[in-house]
Amino acid sequence: MLAIKKLVLIALLAASALVIQIGLAVLPNIELVSLWFLIVARKLSFKENLLVIFIFTLLEGLVWGFGDWVLGYLWIWTLWIVLVKGLSTLIKDRAPLWALVGALFGFSFGFLFALQHALLYGLNMGLIYWVRGIPFDIIHAFGNYILILLFYKPLIHTFEILLRKWVKSE
């Protein structure tokens, strides 16, 4: 892919993640960003994924304001990409297994943020943050499981077609 086309694709993918995040913001911890980053991670390079995450996080900061959560998004979404890349050869395109991995990631999301809180504000703050958020982590896990189970196959198929057309149009 040409460099400019690649940058445009990365920007569009990051903007799409923001749109789907804002679109479901009214539902607590029900989000499609995990699924979207799963799809993108399966089809683009690690470097391209990092750019998508960084741009997405920057855009979110511009929309919601900047706080310590920005740092968390940068490393936690990167961890998700590392996990997806690492499991891709094992899981391939098996939606039920990706749904399970997505559920586990969703459940651990609050714990990962709690680790950051513990480092930044002390162990007690991290523990309080984690315990207080467990109900939301359960919702996050359930949401990820259902959304990935339902939409992984059609989205990855559609993304592959669109990506081939994008590359072919060079």
C-alpha atoms as a PDB file:
ATOM      1  CA  MET A   1       0.000   0.000   0.000  1.00  0.00           C
ATOM      2  CA  LEU A   2       1.237   3.469  -0.727  1.00  0.00           C
ATOM      3  CA  ALA A   3       2.206   5.455   2.337  1.00  0.00           C
ATOM      4  CA  ILE A   4      -0.529   8.093   1.930  1.00  0.00           C
ATOM      5  CA  LYS A   5      -3.213   5.484   1.307  1.00  0.00           C
ATOM      6  CA  LYS A   6      -2.039   3.559   4.349  1.00  0.00           C
ATOM      7  CA  LEU A   7      -2.223   6.681   6.518  1.00  0.00           C
ATOM      8  CA  VAL A   8      -5.721   7.450   5.235  1.00  0.00           C
ATOM      9  CA  LEU A   9      -6.810   3.883   6.009  1.00  0.00           C
ATOM     10  CA  ILE A  10      -5.368   4.112   9.531  1.00  0.00           C
ATOM     11  CA  ALA A  11      -7.105   7.450  10.118  1.00  0.00           C
ATOM     12  CA  LEU A  12     -10.418   6.059   8.850  1.00  0.00           C
ATOM     13  CA  LEU A  13     -10.126   2.990  11.085  1.00  0.00           C
ATOM     14  CA  ALA A  14      -9.360   5.146  14.132  1.00  0.00           C
ATOM     15  CA  ALA A  15     -12.230   7.514  13.322  1.00  0.00           C
ATOM     16  CA  SER A  16     -14.549   4.515  12.862  1.00  0.00           C
ATOM     17  CA  ALA A  17     -13.551   3.234  16.304  1.00  0.00           C
ATOM     18  CA  LEU A  18     -14.417   6.635  17.773  1.00  0.00           C
ATOM     19  CA  VAL A  19     -17.791   6.722  16.011  1.00  0.00           C
ATOM     20  CA  ILE A  20     -18.769   3.253  17.235  1.00  0.00           C
ATOM     21  CA  GLN A  21     -17.533   4.112  20.738  1.00  0.00           C
ATOM     22  CA  ILE A  22     -19.578   7.318  20.888  1.00  0.00           C
ATOM     23  CA  GLY A  23     -22.571   5.574  19.310  1.00  0.00           C
ATOM     24  CA  LEU A  24     -22.800   3.122  22.204  1.00  0.00           C
ATOM     25  CA  ALA A  25     -21.630   5.486  24.952  1.00  0.00           C
ATOM     26  CA  VAL A  26     -25.132   5.561  26.448  1.00  0.00           C
ATOM     27  CA  LEU A  27     -24.823   1.870  27.367  1.00  0.00           C
ATOM     28  CA  PRO A  28     -22.434   1.267  30.282  1.00  0.00           C
ATOM     29  CA  ASN A  29     -19.543  -0.961  29.164  1.00  0.00           C
ATOM     30  CA  ILE A  30     -21.298  -2.253  26.059  1.00  0.00           C
ATOM     31  CA  GLU A  31     -18.877  -1.382  23.284  1.00  0.00           C
ATOM     32  CA  LEU A  32     -17.799  -2.488  19.838  1.00  0.00           C
ATOM     33  CA  VAL A  33     -14.254  -1.125  20.047  1.00  0.00           C
ATOM     34  CA  SER A  34     -12.869  -4.440  21.308  1.00  0.00           C
ATOM     35  CA  LEU A  35     -14.450  -6.203  18.331  1.00  0.00           C
ATOM     36  CA  TRP A  36     -13.285  -3.500  15.926  1.00  0.00           C
ATOM     37  CA  PHE A  37      -9.696  -3.694  17.188  1.00  0.00           C
ATOM     38  CA  LEU A  38      -9.888  -7.493  16.985  1.00  0.00           C
ATOM     39  CA  ILE A  39     -10.852  -7.262  13.305  1.00  0.00           C
ATOM     40  CA  VAL A  40      -8.190  -4.662  12.555  1.00  0.00           C
ATOM     41  CA  ALA A  41      -5.524  -6.607  14.472  1.00  0.00           C
ATOM     42  CA  ARG A  42      -6.258  -9.736  12.482  1.00  0.00           C
ATOM     43  CA  LYS A  43      -5.716  -7.997   9.142  1.00  0.00           C
ATOM     44  CA  LEU A  44      -3.144  -5.220   9.645  1.00  0.00           C
ATOM     45  CA  SER A  45       0.404  -5.137  10.949  1.00  0.00           C
ATOM     46  CA  PHE A  46       1.269  -4.478  14.569  1.00  0.00           C
ATOM     47  CA  LYS A  47       2.689  -1.062  13.691  1.00  0.00           C
ATOM     48  CA  GLU A  48      -0.493  -0.108  11.817  1.00  0.00           C
ATOM     49  CA  ASN A  49      -2.566  -1.253  14.784  1.00  0.00           C
ATOM     50  CA  LEU A  50      -0.523   0.910  17.146  1.00  0.00           C
ATOM     51  CA  LEU A  51      -1.177   3.927  14.943  1.00  0.00           C
ATOM     52  CA  VAL A  52      -4.924   3.177  14.953  1.00  0.00           C
ATOM     53  CA  ILE A  53      -4.893   2.931  18.767  1.00  0.00           C
ATOM     54  CA  PHE A  54      -2.889   6.125  19.234  1.00  0.00           C
ATOM     55  CA  ILE A  55      -5.079   8.137  16.858  1.00  0.00           C
ATOM     56  CA  PHE A  56      -8.266   6.694  18.375  1.00  0.00           C
ATOM     57  CA  THR A  57      -7.087   7.587  21.876  1.00  0.00           C
ATOM     58  CA  LEU A  58      -6.111  11.087  20.786  1.00  0.00           C
ATOM     59  CA  LEU A  59      -9.517  11.589  19.186  1.00  0.00           C
ATOM     60  CA  GLU A  60     -11.234  10.331  22.324  1.00  0.00           C
ATOM     61  CA  GLY A  61      -9.193  12.758  24.393  1.00  0.00           C
ATOM     62  CA  LEU A  62     -10.357  15.578  22.149  1.00  0.00           C
ATOM     63  CA  VAL A  63     -13.985  14.493  22.603  1.00  0.00           C
ATOM     64  CA  TRP A  64     -14.046  13.499  26.285  1.00  0.00           C
ATOM     65  CA  GLY A  65     -11.071  15.449  27.638  1.00  0.00           C
ATOM     66  CA  PHE A  66      -7.669  14.186  28.690  1.00  0.00           C
ATOM     67  CA  GLY A  67      -7.101  12.357  31.953  1.00  0.00           C
ATOM     68  CA  ASP A  68      -5.198   9.413  33.336  1.00  0.00           C
ATOM     69  CA  TRP A  69      -7.512   7.117  31.399  1.00  0.00           C
ATOM     70  CA  VAL A  70      -5.706   8.145  28.184  1.00  0.00           C
ATOM     71  CA  LEU A  71      -2.535   6.453  29.388  1.00  0.00           C
ATOM     72  CA  GLY A  72      -4.590   3.379  30.271  1.00  0.00           C
ATOM     73  CA  TYR A  73      -6.198   3.227  26.843  1.00  0.00           C
ATOM     74  CA  LEU A  74      -2.809   3.395  25.167  1.00  0.00           C
ATOM     75  CA  TRP A  75      -1.315   0.421  26.980  1.00  0.00           C
ATOM     76  CA  ILE A  76      -4.474  -1.661  27.508  1.00  0.00           C
ATOM     77  CA  TRP A  77      -5.573  -1.482  23.863  1.00  0.00           C
ATOM     78  CA  THR A  78      -1.983  -2.278  22.864  1.00  0.00           C
ATOM     79  CA  LEU A  79      -2.137  -5.300  25.167  1.00  0.00           C
ATOM     80  CA  TRP A  80      -5.354  -6.374  23.401  1.00  0.00           C
ATOM     81  CA  ILE A  81      -3.595  -6.157  20.031  1.00  0.00           C
ATOM     82  CA  VAL A  82      -0.638  -8.182  21.356  1.00  0.00           C
ATOM     83  CA  LEU A  83      -3.078 -10.789  22.685  1.00  0.00           C
ATOM     84  CA  VAL A  84      -4.969 -10.979  19.380  1.00  0.00           C
ATOM     85  CA  LYS A  85      -1.773 -11.197  17.344  1.00  0.00           C
ATOM     86  CA  GLY A  86      -0.418 -13.880  19.664  1.00  0.00           C
ATOM     87  CA  LEU A  87      -3.568 -16.003  19.516  1.00  0.00           C
ATOM     88  CA  SER A  88      -4.362 -15.522  15.823  1.00  0.00           C
ATOM     89  CA  THR A  89      -2.523 -18.595  14.556  1.00  0.00           C
ATOM     90  CA  LEU A  90      -4.135 -20.742  17.226  1.00  0.00           C
ATOM     91  CA  ILE A  91      -7.709 -19.433  17.066  1.00  0.00           C
ATOM     92  CA  LYS A  92      -7.810 -18.369  13.384  1.00  0.00           C
ATOM     93  CA  ASP A  93     -11.409 -17.358  12.520  1.00  0.00           C
ATOM     94  CA  ARG A  94     -13.277 -19.300  15.207  1.00  0.00           C
ATOM     95  CA  ALA A  95     -15.803 -16.749  16.447  1.00  0.00           C
ATOM     96  CA  PRO A  96     -16.773 -18.670  19.630  1.00  0.00           C
ATOM     97  CA  LEU A  97     -13.145 -18.730  20.775  1.00  0.00           C
ATOM     98  CA  TRP A  98     -12.628 -15.045  19.959  1.00  0.00           C
ATOM     99  CA  ALA A  99     -15.852 -14.328  21.862  1.00  0.00           C
ATOM    100  CA  LEU A 100     -14.433 -16.125  24.895  1.00  0.00           C
ATOM    101  CA  VAL A 101     -11.119 -14.243  24.639  1.00  0.00           C
ATOM    102  CA  GLY A 102     -13.052 -10.985  24.228  1.00  0.00           C
ATOM    103  CA  ALA A 103     -15.123 -11.763  27.314  1.00  0.00           C
ATOM    104  CA  LEU A 104     -12.015 -12.455  29.376  1.00  0.00           C
ATOM    105  CA  PHE A 105     -10.459  -9.237  28.100  1.00  0.00           C
ATOM    106  CA  GLY A 106     -13.630  -7.298  28.920  1.00  0.00           C
ATOM    107  CA  PHE A 107     -13.702  -8.749  32.417  1.00  0.00           C
ATOM    108  CA  SER A 108     -10.043  -7.879  32.978  1.00  0.00           C
ATOM    109  CA  PHE A 109     -10.311  -4.345  31.568  1.00  0.00           C
ATOM    110  CA  GLY A 110     -11.199  -2.795  34.922  1.00  0.00           C
ATOM    111  CA  PHE A 111      -8.508  -4.791  36.702  1.00  0.00           C
ATOM    112  CA  LEU A 112      -5.920  -3.521  34.223  1.00  0.00           C
ATOM    113  CA  PHE A 113      -7.030   0.053  34.880  1.00  0.00           C
ATOM    114  CA  ALA A 114      -6.886  -0.718  38.604  1.00  0.00           C
ATOM    115  CA  LEU A 115      -3.229  -1.706  38.221  1.00  0.00           C
ATOM    116  CA  GLN A 116      -2.553   1.680  36.683  1.00  0.00           C
ATOM    117  CA  HIS A 117      -4.482   3.403  39.485  1.00  0.00           C
ATOM    118  CA  ALA A 118      -2.477   1.467  42.061  1.00  0.00           C
ATOM    119  CA  LEU A 119       0.769   2.611  40.452  1.00  0.00           C
ATOM    120  CA  LEU A 120      -0.348   6.230  40.145  1.00  0.00           C
ATOM    121  CA  TYR A 121      -2.358   6.705  43.344  1.00  0.00           C
ATOM    122  CA  GLY A 122      -1.474   3.876  45.691  1.00  0.00           C
ATOM    123  CA  LEU A 123      -2.549   0.311  46.267  1.00  0.00           C
ATOM    124  CA  ASN A 124      -5.739   1.242  48.171  1.00  0.00           C
ATOM    125  CA  MET A 125      -6.986   3.436  45.317  1.00  0.00           C
ATOM    126  CA  GLY A 126      -6.278   0.674  42.819  1.00  0.00           C
ATOM    127  CA  LEU A 127      -8.125  -1.884  44.919  1.00  0.00           C
ATOM    128  CA  ILE A 128     -11.106   0.418  45.435  1.00  0.00           C
ATOM    129  CA  TYR A 129     -11.220   1.214  41.723  1.00  0.00           C
ATOM    130  CA  TRP A 130     -11.197  -2.467  40.817  1.00  0.00           C
ATOM    131  CA  VAL A 131     -13.792  -3.653  43.362  1.00  0.00           C
ATOM    132  CA  ARG A 132     -16.139  -0.773  42.606  1.00  0.00           C
ATOM    133  CA  GLY A 133     -15.967  -1.594  38.886  1.00  0.00           C
ATOM    134  CA  ILE A 134     -16.566  -5.361  39.016  1.00  0.00           C
ATOM    135  CA  PRO A 135     -20.266  -5.088  38.022  1.00  0.00           C
ATOM    136  CA  PHE A 136     -19.229  -3.035  34.984  1.00  0.00           C
ATOM    137  CA  ASP A 137     -16.511  -5.570  34.146  1.00  0.00           C
ATOM    138  CA  ILE A 138     -19.129  -8.322  34.158  1.00  0.00           C
ATOM    139  CA  ILE A 139     -21.285  -6.286  31.768  1.00  0.00           C
ATOM    140  CA  HIS A 140     -18.219  -5.587  29.630  1.00  0.00           C
ATOM    141  CA  ALA A 141     -17.379  -9.303  29.460  1.00  0.00           C
ATOM    142  CA  PHE A 142     -20.935 -10.306  28.593  1.00  0.00           C
ATOM    143  CA  GLY A 143     -21.218  -7.552  25.976  1.00  0.00           C
ATOM    144  CA  ASN A 144     -17.926  -8.489  24.340  1.00  0.00           C
ATOM    145  CA  TYR A 145     -18.892 -12.154  24.265  1.00  0.00           C
ATOM    146  CA  ILE A 146     -22.270 -11.581  22.594  1.00  0.00           C
ATOM    147  CA  LEU A 147     -21.086  -8.893  20.163  1.00  0.00           C
ATOM    148  CA  ILE A 148     -18.027 -10.853  19.028  1.00  0.00           C
ATOM    149  CA  LEU A 149     -20.035 -14.063  18.730  1.00  0.00           C
ATOM    150  CA  LEU A 150     -22.667 -12.341  16.571  1.00  0.00           C
ATOM    151  CA  PHE A 151     -20.595  -9.953  14.486  1.00  0.00           C
ATOM    152  CA  TYR A 152     -17.052 -11.328  14.163  1.00  0.00           C
ATOM    153  CA  LYS A 153     -17.644 -13.454  11.067  1.00  0.00           C
ATOM    154  CA  PRO A 154     -19.640 -10.925   9.016  1.00  0.00           C
ATOM    155  CA  LEU A 155     -17.366  -8.035   9.990  1.00  0.00           C
ATOM    156  CA  ILE A 156     -14.081  -9.806   9.254  1.00  0.00           C
ATOM    157  CA  HIS A 157     -15.464 -11.021   5.928  1.00  0.00           C
ATOM    158  CA  THR A 158     -16.636  -7.523   4.981  1.00  0.00           C
ATOM    159  CA  PHE A 159     -13.383  -5.964   6.194  1.00  0.00           C
ATOM    160  CA  GLU A 160     -11.347  -8.397   4.061  1.00  0.00           C
ATOM    161  CA  ILE A 161     -13.380  -7.517   0.956  1.00  0.00           C
ATOM    162  CA  LEU A 162     -13.083  -3.787   1.562  1.00  0.00           C
ATOM    163  CA  LEU A 163      -9.373  -4.051   2.316  1.00  0.00           C
ATOM    164  CA  ARG A 164      -8.765  -5.989  -0.930  1.00  0.00           C
ATOM    165  CA  LYS A 165     -10.669  -3.322  -2.882  1.00  0.00           C
ATOM    166  CA  TRP A 166      -8.719  -0.575  -1.099  1.00  0.00           C
ATOM    167  CA  VAL A 167      -5.387  -2.180  -1.964  1.00  0.00           C
ATOM    168  CA  LYS A 168      -6.487  -3.041  -5.519  1.00  0.00           C
ATOM    169  CA  SER A 169      -7.465   0.575  -6.241  1.00  0.00           C
ATOM    170  CA  GLU A 170      -3.797   1.635  -6.082  1.00  0.00           C
END
